[in-house]
Amino acid sequence: SGINFEIIIVDDGSPDGTQEIAEQLEKIYGSDKILLRPRARKLGLGTAYIHGMKHATGNFIVIMDADLSHHPKFIPEFIRKQKEGNFDIVSGTRYKGNGGVYGWDLKRKLI
């Protein structure tokens, strides 16, 4: 892609094997590209974002939940949009067009 990047993975004791997969990716792509920053236990999504941002070294930070509820194919579009308007923040939504979430209660949708 010609884009210099790093991927910071914050895993807080997830039972789904996230840390093991991150370790495999680190071996493939190198520790300069894949940075595993685990935490001992679940401390909440907001603090996970902050934990990851503390380790970021780039000019752009893209925050995504790694469960693929946010598809990484949109990252180049976010970067393009930021450069286009020199915006401080670019945000996406699941609710545009035919988007949405399924199986979430109202509280989770509001959050």
Protein backbone atom coordinates (compact mmCIF):
# COMPACT_ATOMS: atom_id res chain seq x y z
CA SER A 1 0.00 0.00 0.00
CA GLY A 2 2.96 2.30 0.44
CA ILE A 3 1.56 3.41 3.78
CA ASN A 4 3.76 3.17 6.85
CA PHE A 5 1.65 1.65 9.61
CA GLU A 6 1.59 -0.09 12.95
CA ILE A 7 -1.21 -2.18 14.38
CA ILE A 8 -1.60 -2.05 18.13
CA ILE A 9 -3.61 -4.92 19.53
CA VAL A 10 -5.00 -4.50 23.03
CA ASP A 11 -6.23 -7.79 24.44
CA ASP A 12 -7.64 -7.88 27.94
CA GLY A 13 -7.97 -11.54 28.70
CA SER A 14 -10.31 -12.34 25.84
CA PRO A 15 -11.11 -16.09 25.74
CA ASP A 16 -11.36 -16.07 21.92
CA GLY A 17 -7.63 -16.52 21.27
CA THR A 18 -6.95 -12.91 20.29
CA GLN A 19 -3.57 -12.85 22.00
CA GLU A 20 -2.39 -16.06 20.34
CA ILE A 21 -3.41 -14.79 16.90
CA ALA A 22 -1.72 -11.44 17.57
CA GLU A 23 1.48 -13.27 18.51
CA GLN A 24 1.35 -15.20 15.22
CA LEU A 25 0.83 -11.96 13.26
CA GLU A 26 3.75 -10.39 15.12
CA LYS A 27 6.01 -13.26 14.01
CA ILE A 28 4.88 -12.86 10.38
CA TYR A 29 4.95 -9.06 10.07
CA GLY A 30 7.44 -8.11 12.78
CA SER A 31 7.19 -6.37 16.10
CA ASP A 32 7.61 -2.98 14.42
CA LYS A 33 4.27 -3.47 12.62
CA ILE A 34 2.27 -5.58 15.08
CA LEU A 35 2.42 -4.39 18.68
CA LEU A 36 0.68 -6.57 21.23
CA ARG A 37 -0.24 -4.58 24.34
CA PRO A 38 -2.20 -6.99 26.56
CA ARG A 39 -3.91 -6.15 29.82
CA ALA A 40 -4.45 -8.58 32.68
CA ARG A 41 -8.25 -8.42 32.65
CA LYS A 42 -11.27 -6.72 31.12
CA LEU A 43 -11.21 -3.04 32.01
CA GLY A 44 -13.66 -1.72 29.41
CA LEU A 45 -13.53 -0.67 25.78
CA GLY A 46 -12.87 3.02 26.47
CA THR A 47 -9.78 2.31 28.57
CA ALA A 48 -8.61 -0.18 25.94
CA TYR A 49 -8.74 2.60 23.35
CA ILE A 50 -6.75 4.91 25.63
CA HIS A 51 -4.22 2.14 26.35
CA GLY A 52 -3.69 1.60 22.63
CA MET A 53 -3.40 5.31 21.85
CA LYS A 54 -0.66 5.68 24.46
CA HIS A 55 1.46 3.31 22.37
CA ALA A 56 0.71 4.86 18.96
CA THR A 57 3.52 6.67 17.15
CA GLY A 58 1.82 7.70 13.89
CA ASN A 59 0.09 10.84 12.67
CA PHE A 60 -3.24 9.05 12.15
CA ILE A 61 -4.96 6.80 14.66
CA VAL A 62 -7.73 4.48 13.52
CA ILE A 63 -9.66 2.80 16.34
CA MET A 64 -11.54 -0.38 15.54
CA ASP A 65 -13.00 -3.27 17.45
CA ALA A 66 -11.20 -6.33 16.09
CA ASP A 67 -14.32 -8.50 15.92
CA LEU A 68 -14.82 -7.26 12.34
CA SER A 69 -17.93 -5.32 13.27
CA HIS A 70 -15.80 -2.56 11.75
CA HIS A 71 -14.44 -3.73 8.40
CA PRO A 72 -10.80 -2.74 7.76
CA LYS A 73 -11.53 -2.16 4.06
CA PHE A 74 -12.74 1.33 5.03
CA ILE A 75 -9.43 2.47 6.52
CA PRO A 76 -8.09 3.99 3.26
CA GLU A 77 -11.35 5.94 2.89
CA PHE A 78 -11.00 7.33 6.42
CA ILE A 79 -7.41 8.42 5.73
CA ARG A 80 -8.43 10.00 2.41
CA LYS A 81 -11.29 11.87 4.08
CA GLN A 82 -9.01 13.17 6.84
CA LYS A 83 -6.43 14.44 4.36
CA GLU A 84 -9.12 15.96 2.13
CA GLY A 85 -10.43 18.23 4.88
CA ASN A 86 -7.48 18.21 7.30
CA PHE A 87 -9.97 17.05 9.93
CA ASP A 88 -9.00 16.30 13.51
CA ILE A 89 -11.55 13.48 13.71
CA VAL A 90 -13.20 11.29 11.09
CA SER A 91 -15.94 8.96 12.30
CA GLY A 92 -17.91 6.19 10.67
CA THR A 93 -21.34 4.84 11.44
CA ARG A 94 -23.05 1.52 11.08
CA TYR A 95 -26.38 3.25 10.53
CA LYS A 96 -25.86 4.79 7.08
CA GLY A 97 -27.68 3.29 4.10
CA ASN A 98 -28.42 -0.37 4.67
CA GLY A 99 -26.12 -0.55 7.71
CA GLY A 100 -27.12 -1.34 11.23
CA VAL A 101 -26.59 -3.82 14.00
CA TYR A 102 -28.59 -6.89 14.77
CA GLY A 103 -29.28 -8.52 18.11
CA TRP A 104 -28.28 -5.49 20.18
CA ASP A 105 -30.58 -4.08 22.83
CA LEU A 106 -31.37 -0.34 22.99
CA LYS A 107 -28.76 0.33 25.70
CA ARG A 108 -25.95 -1.15 23.60
CA LYS A 109 -27.10 0.79 20.54
CA LEU A 110 -27.13 4.05 22.49
CA ILE A 111 -23.62 3.47 23.82
